[in-house]
ModelCIF file with pLDDT and N, C-alpha, C, O atoms, coordinates in Angstrom:
data_MODEL
#
_entry.id   MODEL 
#
_entity.id                         1 
_entity.type                       polymer 
_entity.pdbx_number_of_molecules   1 
#
_entity_poly.entity_id                      1 
_entity_poly.type                           'polypeptide(L)' 
_entity_poly.nstd_linkage                   no 
_entity_poly.nstd_monomer                   no 
_entity_poly.pdbx_seq_one_letter_code       
;(UNK)(UNK)(UNK)(UNK)(UNK)(UNK)(UNK)(UNK)(UNK)(UNK)(UNK)(UNK)(UNK)(UNK)(UNK)(UNK)
(UNK)(UNK)(UNK)(UNK)(UNK)(UNK)(UNK)(UNK)(UNK)(UNK)(UNK)(UNK)(UNK)(UNK)(UNK)(UNK)
(UNK)(UNK)(UNK)
;
_entity_poly.pdbx_seq_one_letter_code_can   XXXXXXXXXXXXXXXXXXXXXXXXXXXXXXXXXXX 
_entity_poly.pdbx_strand_id                 A 
#
loop_
_entity_poly_seq.entity_id 
_entity_poly_seq.num 
_entity_poly_seq.mon_id 
_entity_poly_seq.hetero 
1 1  UNK n 
1 2  UNK n 
1 3  UNK n 
1 4  UNK n 
1 5  UNK n 
1 6  UNK n 
1 7  UNK n 
1 8  UNK n 
1 9  UNK n 
1 10 UNK n 
1 11 UNK n 
1 12 UNK n 
1 13 UNK n 
1 14 UNK n 
1 15 UNK n 
1 16 UNK n 
1 17 UNK n 
1 18 UNK n 
1 19 UNK n 
1 20 UNK n 
1 21 UNK n 
1 22 UNK n 
1 23 UNK n 
1 24 UNK n 
1 25 UNK n 
1 26 UNK n 
1 27 UNK n 
1 28 UNK n 
1 29 UNK n 
1 30 UNK n 
1 31 UNK n 
1 32 UNK n 
1 33 UNK n 
1 34 UNK n 
1 35 UNK n 
#
_struct_asym.id          A 
_struct_asym.entity_id   1 
#
loop_
_ma_qa_metric.id 
_ma_qa_metric.mode 
_ma_qa_metric.name 
_ma_qa_metric.software_group_id 
_ma_qa_metric.type 
1 global pLDDT . pLDDT 
2 local  pLDDT . pLDDT 
#
_ma_qa_metric_global.metric_id      1 
_ma_qa_metric_global.metric_value   88.66 
_ma_qa_metric_global.model_id       1 
_ma_qa_metric_global.ordinal_id     1 
#
loop_
_ma_qa_metric_local.label_asym_id 
_ma_qa_metric_local.label_comp_id 
_ma_qa_metric_local.label_seq_id 
_ma_qa_metric_local.metric_id 
_ma_qa_metric_local.metric_value 
_ma_qa_metric_local.model_id 
_ma_qa_metric_local.ordinal_id 
A UNK 1  2 89.00 1 1  
A UNK 2  2 87.00 1 2  
A UNK 3  2 89.00 1 3  
A UNK 4  2 88.00 1 4  
A UNK 5  2 86.00 1 5  
A UNK 6  2 87.00 1 6  
A UNK 7  2 86.00 1 7  
A UNK 8  2 86.00 1 8  
A UNK 9  2 84.00 1 9  
A UNK 10 2 85.00 1 10 
A UNK 11 2 87.00 1 11 
A UNK 12 2 89.00 1 12 
A UNK 13 2 90.00 1 13 
A UNK 14 2 90.00 1 14 
A UNK 15 2 89.00 1 15 
A UNK 16 2 89.00 1 16 
A UNK 17 2 87.00 1 17 
A UNK 18 2 84.00 1 18 
A UNK 19 2 85.00 1 19 
A UNK 20 2 86.00 1 20 
A UNK 21 2 88.00 1 21 
A UNK 22 2 88.00 1 22 
A UNK 23 2 88.00 1 23 
A UNK 24 2 89.00 1 24 
A UNK 25 2 90.00 1 25 
A UNK 26 2 89.00 1 26 
A UNK 27 2 90.00 1 27 
A UNK 28 2 91.00 1 28 
A UNK 29 2 91.00 1 29 
A UNK 30 2 91.00 1 30 
A UNK 31 2 92.00 1 31 
A UNK 32 2 93.00 1 32 
A UNK 33 2 93.00 1 33 
A UNK 34 2 93.00 1 34 
A UNK 35 2 94.00 1 35 
#
loop_
_atom_site.group_PDB 
_atom_site.id 
_atom_site.type_symbol 
_atom_site.label_atom_id 
_atom_site.label_alt_id 
_atom_site.label_comp_id 
_atom_site.label_asym_id 
_atom_site.label_entity_id 
_atom_site.label_seq_id 
_atom_site.pdbx_PDB_ins_code 
_atom_site.Cartn_x 
_atom_site.Cartn_y 
_atom_site.Cartn_z 
_atom_site.occupancy 
_atom_site.B_iso_or_equiv 
_atom_site.pdbx_formal_charge 
_atom_site.auth_seq_id 
_atom_site.auth_comp_id 
_atom_site.auth_asym_id 
_atom_site.auth_atom_id 
_atom_site.pdbx_PDB_model_num 
ATOM 1   N N  . UNK A 1 1  ? 29.126 44.729 74.738 1.00 89.00 ? 1  UNK A N  1 
ATOM 2   C CA . UNK A 1 1  ? 28.762 44.425 73.354 1.00 89.00 ? 1  UNK A CA 1 
ATOM 3   C C  . UNK A 1 1  ? 29.215 45.575 72.474 1.00 89.00 ? 1  UNK A C  1 
ATOM 4   O O  . UNK A 1 1  ? 29.028 46.739 72.827 1.00 89.00 ? 1  UNK A O  1 
ATOM 5   N N  . UNK A 1 2  ? 29.811 45.257 71.324 1.00 87.00 ? 2  UNK A N  1 
ATOM 6   C CA . UNK A 1 2  ? 30.214 46.288 70.369 1.00 87.00 ? 2  UNK A CA 1 
ATOM 7   C C  . UNK A 1 2  ? 29.520 46.012 69.043 1.00 87.00 ? 2  UNK A C  1 
ATOM 8   O O  . UNK A 1 2  ? 29.338 44.859 68.652 1.00 87.00 ? 2  UNK A O  1 
ATOM 9   N N  . UNK A 1 3  ? 29.138 47.078 68.361 1.00 89.00 ? 3  UNK A N  1 
ATOM 10  C CA . UNK A 1 3  ? 28.491 46.974 67.058 1.00 89.00 ? 3  UNK A CA 1 
ATOM 11  C C  . UNK A 1 3  ? 29.550 47.135 65.967 1.00 89.00 ? 3  UNK A C  1 
ATOM 12  O O  . UNK A 1 3  ? 30.331 48.087 65.982 1.00 89.00 ? 3  UNK A O  1 
ATOM 13  N N  . UNK A 1 4  ? 29.566 46.211 65.039 1.00 88.00 ? 4  UNK A N  1 
ATOM 14  C CA . UNK A 1 4  ? 30.583 46.236 63.989 1.00 88.00 ? 4  UNK A CA 1 
ATOM 15  C C  . UNK A 1 4  ? 29.906 46.096 62.629 1.00 88.00 ? 4  UNK A C  1 
ATOM 16  O O  . UNK A 1 4  ? 29.071 45.212 62.437 1.00 88.00 ? 4  UNK A O  1 
ATOM 17  N N  . UNK A 1 5  ? 30.262 46.961 61.694 1.00 86.00 ? 5  UNK A N  1 
ATOM 18  C CA . UNK A 1 5  ? 29.721 46.898 60.335 1.00 86.00 ? 5  UNK A CA 1 
ATOM 19  C C  . UNK A 1 5  ? 30.818 47.029 59.288 1.00 86.00 ? 5  UNK A C  1 
ATOM 20  O O  . UNK A 1 5  ? 30.577 47.513 58.182 1.00 86.00 ? 5  UNK A O  1 
ATOM 21  N N  . UNK A 1 6  ? 32.015 46.600 59.639 1.00 87.00 ? 6  UNK A N  1 
ATOM 22  C CA . UNK A 1 6  ? 33.137 46.690 58.707 1.00 87.00 ? 6  UNK A CA 1 
ATOM 23  C C  . UNK A 1 6  ? 33.110 45.532 57.714 1.00 87.00 ? 6  UNK A C  1 
ATOM 24  O O  . UNK A 1 6  ? 32.710 44.426 58.079 1.00 87.00 ? 6  UNK A O  1 
ATOM 25  N N  . UNK A 1 7  ? 33.523 45.757 56.476 1.00 86.00 ? 7  UNK A N  1 
ATOM 26  C CA . UNK A 1 7  ? 33.646 44.645 55.520 1.00 86.00 ? 7  UNK A CA 1 
ATOM 27  C C  . UNK A 1 7  ? 34.694 43.648 56.046 1.00 86.00 ? 7  UNK A C  1 
ATOM 28  O O  . UNK A 1 7  ? 35.701 44.086 56.602 1.00 86.00 ? 7  UNK A O  1 
ATOM 29  N N  . UNK A 1 8  ? 34.504 42.363 55.898 1.00 86.00 ? 8  UNK A N  1 
ATOM 30  C CA . UNK A 1 8  ? 33.475 41.686 55.099 1.00 86.00 ? 8  UNK A CA 1 
ATOM 31  C C  . UNK A 1 8  ? 32.219 41.302 55.879 1.00 86.00 ? 8  UNK A C  1 
ATOM 32  O O  . UNK A 1 8  ? 31.516 40.386 55.453 1.00 86.00 ? 8  UNK A O  1 
ATOM 33  N N  . UNK A 1 9  ? 31.904 41.946 56.986 1.00 84.00 ? 9  UNK A N  1 
ATOM 34  C CA . UNK A 1 9  ? 30.685 41.635 57.724 1.00 84.00 ? 9  UNK A CA 1 
ATOM 35  C C  . UNK A 1 9  ? 29.470 41.939 56.836 1.00 84.00 ? 9  UNK A C  1 
ATOM 36  O O  . UNK A 1 9  ? 29.436 42.992 56.199 1.00 84.00 ? 9  UNK A O  1 
ATOM 37  N N  . UNK A 1 10 ? 28.476 41.047 56.780 1.00 85.00 ? 10 UNK A N  1 
ATOM 38  C CA . UNK A 1 10 ? 27.336 41.236 55.868 1.00 85.00 ? 10 UNK A CA 1 
ATOM 39  C C  . UNK A 1 10 ? 26.428 42.387 56.277 1.00 85.00 ? 10 UNK A C  1 
ATOM 40  O O  . UNK A 1 10 ? 25.759 42.974 55.427 1.00 85.00 ? 10 UNK A O  1 
ATOM 41  N N  . UNK A 1 11 ? 26.394 42.720 57.569 1.00 87.00 ? 11 UNK A N  1 
ATOM 42  C CA . UNK A 1 11 ? 25.554 43.805 58.081 1.00 87.00 ? 11 UNK A CA 1 
ATOM 43  C C  . UNK A 1 11 ? 26.097 44.222 59.441 1.00 87.00 ? 11 UNK A C  1 
ATOM 44  O O  . UNK A 1 11 ? 27.217 43.856 59.798 1.00 87.00 ? 11 UNK A O  1 
ATOM 45  N N  . UNK A 1 12 ? 25.324 44.975 60.196 1.00 89.00 ? 12 UNK A N  1 
ATOM 46  C CA . UNK A 1 12 ? 25.750 45.351 61.544 1.00 89.00 ? 12 UNK A CA 1 
ATOM 47  C C  . UNK A 1 12 ? 25.641 44.129 62.436 1.00 89.00 ? 12 UNK A C  1 
ATOM 48  O O  . UNK A 1 12 ? 24.554 43.581 62.620 1.00 89.00 ? 12 UNK A O  1 
ATOM 49  N N  . UNK A 1 13 ? 26.757 43.706 62.985 1.00 90.00 ? 13 UNK A N  1 
ATOM 50  C CA . UNK A 1 13 ? 26.774 42.511 63.829 1.00 90.00 ? 13 UNK A CA 1 
ATOM 51  C C  . UNK A 1 13 ? 27.157 42.892 65.253 1.00 90.00 ? 13 UNK A C  1 
ATOM 52  O O  . UNK A 1 13 ? 27.843 43.887 65.484 1.00 90.00 ? 13 UNK A O  1 
ATOM 53  N N  . UNK A 1 14 ? 26.704 42.087 66.190 1.00 90.00 ? 14 UNK A N  1 
ATOM 54  C CA . UNK A 1 14 ? 27.038 42.265 67.602 1.00 90.00 ? 14 UNK A CA 1 
ATOM 55  C C  . UNK A 1 14 ? 28.233 41.386 67.937 1.00 90.00 ? 14 UNK A C  1 
ATOM 56  O O  . UNK A 1 14 ? 28.253 40.199 67.611 1.00 90.00 ? 14 UNK A O  1 
ATOM 57  N N  . UNK A 1 15 ? 29.223 41.973 68.585 1.00 89.00 ? 15 UNK A N  1 
ATOM 58  C CA . UNK A 1 15 ? 30.406 41.226 69.017 1.00 89.00 ? 15 UNK A CA 1 
ATOM 59  C C  . UNK A 1 15 ? 30.523 41.337 70.529 1.00 89.00 ? 15 UNK A C  1 
ATOM 60  O O  . UNK A 1 15 ? 30.256 42.391 71.106 1.00 89.00 ? 15 UNK A O  1 
ATOM 61  N N  . UNK A 1 16 ? 30.919 40.253 71.160 1.00 89.00 ? 16 UNK A N  1 
ATOM 62  C CA . UNK A 1 16 ? 30.933 40.165 72.612 1.00 89.00 ? 16 UNK A CA 1 
ATOM 63  C C  . UNK A 1 16 ? 32.366 39.965 73.099 1.00 89.00 ? 16 UNK A C  1 
ATOM 64  O O  . UNK A 1 16 ? 33.089 39.092 72.619 1.00 89.00 ? 16 UNK A O  1 
ATOM 65  N N  . UNK A 1 17 ? 32.760 40.801 74.071 1.00 87.00 ? 17 UNK A N  1 
ATOM 66  C CA . UNK A 1 17 ? 34.110 40.779 74.621 1.00 87.00 ? 17 UNK A CA 1 
ATOM 67  C C  . UNK A 1 17 ? 34.157 39.807 75.801 1.00 87.00 ? 17 UNK A C  1 
ATOM 68  O O  . UNK A 1 17 ? 33.224 39.740 76.601 1.00 87.00 ? 17 UNK A O  1 
ATOM 69  N N  . UNK A 1 18 ? 35.236 39.071 75.895 1.00 84.00 ? 18 UNK A N  1 
ATOM 70  C CA . UNK A 1 18 ? 35.406 38.129 77.000 1.00 84.00 ? 18 UNK A CA 1 
ATOM 71  C C  . UNK A 1 18 ? 35.713 38.857 78.306 1.00 84.00 ? 18 UNK A C  1 
ATOM 72  O O  . UNK A 1 18 ? 36.630 39.677 78.359 1.00 84.00 ? 18 UNK A O  1 
ATOM 73  N N  . UNK A 1 19 ? 34.963 38.566 79.344 1.00 85.00 ? 19 UNK A N  1 
ATOM 74  C CA . UNK A 1 19 ? 35.174 39.076 80.717 1.00 85.00 ? 19 UNK A CA 1 
ATOM 75  C C  . UNK A 1 19 ? 35.391 40.598 80.752 1.00 85.00 ? 19 UNK A C  1 
ATOM 76  O O  . UNK A 1 19 ? 36.417 41.052 81.259 1.00 85.00 ? 19 UNK A O  1 
ATOM 77  N N  . UNK A 1 20 ? 34.464 41.381 80.235 1.00 86.00 ? 20 UNK A N  1 
ATOM 78  C CA . UNK A 1 20 ? 34.677 42.837 80.197 1.00 86.00 ? 20 UNK A CA 1 
ATOM 79  C C  . UNK A 1 20 ? 34.750 43.481 81.577 1.00 86.00 ? 20 UNK A C  1 
ATOM 80  O O  . UNK A 1 20 ? 35.536 44.406 81.780 1.00 86.00 ? 20 UNK A O  1 
ATOM 81  N N  . UNK A 1 21 ? 33.939 43.007 82.534 1.00 88.00 ? 21 UNK A N  1 
ATOM 82  C CA . UNK A 1 21 ? 33.945 43.612 83.876 1.00 88.00 ? 21 UNK A CA 1 
ATOM 83  C C  . UNK A 1 21 ? 35.294 43.418 84.555 1.00 88.00 ? 21 UNK A C  1 
ATOM 84  O O  . UNK A 1 21 ? 35.842 44.354 85.136 1.00 88.00 ? 21 UNK A O  1 
ATOM 85  N N  . UNK A 1 22 ? 35.828 42.203 84.482 1.00 88.00 ? 22 UNK A N  1 
ATOM 86  C CA . UNK A 1 22 ? 37.130 41.914 85.096 1.00 88.00 ? 22 UNK A CA 1 
ATOM 87  C C  . UNK A 1 22 ? 38.235 42.731 84.440 1.00 88.00 ? 22 UNK A C  1 
ATOM 88  O O  . UNK A 1 22 ? 39.132 43.234 85.117 1.00 88.00 ? 22 UNK A O  1 
ATOM 89  N N  . UNK A 1 23 ? 38.166 42.859 83.121 1.00 88.00 ? 23 UNK A N  1 
ATOM 90  C CA . UNK A 1 23 ? 39.177 43.643 82.406 1.00 88.00 ? 23 UNK A CA 1 
ATOM 91  C C  . UNK A 1 23 ? 39.070 45.121 82.761 1.00 88.00 ? 23 UNK A C  1 
ATOM 92  O O  . UNK A 1 23 ? 40.089 45.802 82.875 1.00 88.00 ? 23 UNK A O  1 
ATOM 93  N N  . UNK A 1 24 ? 37.858 45.621 82.935 1.00 89.00 ? 24 UNK A N  1 
ATOM 94  C CA . UNK A 1 24 ? 37.681 47.023 83.321 1.00 89.00 ? 24 UNK A CA 1 
ATOM 95  C C  . UNK A 1 24 ? 38.256 47.291 84.702 1.00 89.00 ? 24 UNK A C  1 
ATOM 96  O O  . UNK A 1 24 ? 38.855 48.340 84.939 1.00 89.00 ? 24 UNK A O  1 
ATOM 97  N N  . UNK A 1 25 ? 38.073 46.341 85.613 1.00 90.00 ? 25 UNK A N  1 
ATOM 98  C CA . UNK A 1 25 ? 38.611 46.512 86.971 1.00 90.00 ? 25 UNK A CA 1 
ATOM 99  C C  . UNK A 1 25 ? 40.135 46.609 86.934 1.00 90.00 ? 25 UNK A C  1 
ATOM 100 O O  . UNK A 1 25 ? 40.717 47.490 87.566 1.00 90.00 ? 25 UNK A O  1 
ATOM 101 N N  . UNK A 1 26 ? 40.777 45.710 86.200 1.00 89.00 ? 26 UNK A N  1 
ATOM 102 C CA . UNK A 1 26 ? 42.240 45.751 86.110 1.00 89.00 ? 26 UNK A CA 1 
ATOM 103 C C  . UNK A 1 26 ? 42.717 47.005 85.380 1.00 89.00 ? 26 UNK A C  1 
ATOM 104 O O  . UNK A 1 26 ? 43.750 47.573 85.735 1.00 89.00 ? 26 UNK A O  1 
ATOM 105 N N  . UNK A 1 27 ? 41.975 47.437 84.371 1.00 90.00 ? 27 UNK A N  1 
ATOM 106 C CA . UNK A 1 27 ? 42.362 48.649 83.647 1.00 90.00 ? 27 UNK A CA 1 
ATOM 107 C C  . UNK A 1 27 ? 42.332 49.862 84.561 1.00 90.00 ? 27 UNK A C  1 
ATOM 108 O O  . UNK A 1 27 ? 43.271 50.658 84.573 1.00 90.00 ? 27 UNK A O  1 
ATOM 109 N N  . UNK A 1 28 ? 41.256 50.006 85.326 1.00 91.00 ? 28 UNK A N  1 
ATOM 110 C CA . UNK A 1 28 ? 41.155 51.134 86.254 1.00 91.00 ? 28 UNK A CA 1 
ATOM 111 C C  . UNK A 1 28 ? 42.259 51.066 87.300 1.00 91.00 ? 28 UNK A C  1 
ATOM 112 O O  . UNK A 1 28 ? 42.844 52.088 87.658 1.00 91.00 ? 28 UNK A O  1 
ATOM 113 N N  . UNK A 1 29 ? 42.543 49.868 87.789 1.00 91.00 ? 29 UNK A N  1 
ATOM 114 C CA . UNK A 1 29 ? 43.599 49.707 88.794 1.00 91.00 ? 29 UNK A CA 1 
ATOM 115 C C  . UNK A 1 29 ? 44.950 50.149 88.237 1.00 91.00 ? 29 UNK A C  1 
ATOM 116 O O  . UNK A 1 29 ? 45.688 50.877 88.901 1.00 91.00 ? 29 UNK A O  1 
ATOM 117 N N  . UNK A 1 30 ? 45.275 49.711 87.019 1.00 91.00 ? 30 UNK A N  1 
ATOM 118 C CA . UNK A 1 30 ? 46.558 50.079 86.422 1.00 91.00 ? 30 UNK A CA 1 
ATOM 119 C C  . UNK A 1 30 ? 46.624 51.568 86.112 1.00 91.00 ? 30 UNK A C  1 
ATOM 120 O O  . UNK A 1 30 ? 47.687 52.177 86.233 1.00 91.00 ? 30 UNK A O  1 
ATOM 121 N N  . UNK A 1 31 ? 45.504 52.159 85.713 1.00 92.00 ? 31 UNK A N  1 
ATOM 122 C CA . UNK A 1 31 ? 45.474 53.594 85.433 1.00 92.00 ? 31 UNK A CA 1 
ATOM 123 C C  . UNK A 1 31 ? 45.710 54.385 86.717 1.00 92.00 ? 31 UNK A C  1 
ATOM 124 O O  . UNK A 1 31 ? 46.477 55.348 86.722 1.00 92.00 ? 31 UNK A O  1 
ATOM 125 N N  . UNK A 1 32 ? 45.052 53.979 87.809 1.00 93.00 ? 32 UNK A N  1 
ATOM 126 C CA . UNK A 1 32 ? 45.209 54.688 89.084 1.00 93.00 ? 32 UNK A CA 1 
ATOM 127 C C  . UNK A 1 32 ? 46.641 54.585 89.592 1.00 93.00 ? 32 UNK A C  1 
ATOM 128 O O  . UNK A 1 32 ? 47.203 55.583 90.044 1.00 93.00 ? 32 UNK A O  1 
ATOM 129 N N  . UNK A 1 33 ? 47.244 53.394 89.527 1.00 93.00 ? 33 UNK A N  1 
ATOM 130 C CA . UNK A 1 33 ? 48.625 53.240 89.994 1.00 93.00 ? 33 UNK A CA 1 
ATOM 131 C C  . UNK A 1 33 ? 49.595 54.044 89.129 1.00 93.00 ? 33 UNK A C  1 
ATOM 132 O O  . UNK A 1 33 ? 50.574 54.589 89.639 1.00 93.00 ? 33 UNK A O  1 
ATOM 133 N N  . UNK A 1 34 ? 49.329 54.122 87.816 1.00 93.00 ? 34 UNK A N  1 
ATOM 134 C CA . UNK A 1 34 ? 50.175 54.945 86.950 1.00 93.00 ? 34 UNK A CA 1 
ATOM 135 C C  . UNK A 1 34 ? 50.071 56.420 87.334 1.00 93.00 ? 34 UNK A C  1 
ATOM 136 O O  . UNK A 1 34 ? 51.075 57.133 87.338 1.00 93.00 ? 34 UNK A O  1 
ATOM 137 N N  . UNK A 1 35 ? 48.865 56.878 87.656 1.00 94.00 ? 35 UNK A N  1 
ATOM 138 C CA . UNK A 1 35 ? 48.681 58.271 88.085 1.00 94.00 ? 35 UNK A CA 1 
ATOM 139 C C  . UNK A 1 35 ? 49.426 58.549 89.385 1.00 94.00 ? 35 UNK A C  1 
ATOM 140 O O  . UNK A 1 35 ? 49.383 59.669 89.893 1.00 94.00 ? 35 UNK A O  1 
#
């Protein structure tokens, strides 16, 4: 979950990312292989 309060948002809103755990796994995998 990310908190966003940028215009034109009326107040601090919660935004939800699609499949964050799966994306984190692939990100770590790609980072490790790059290293």
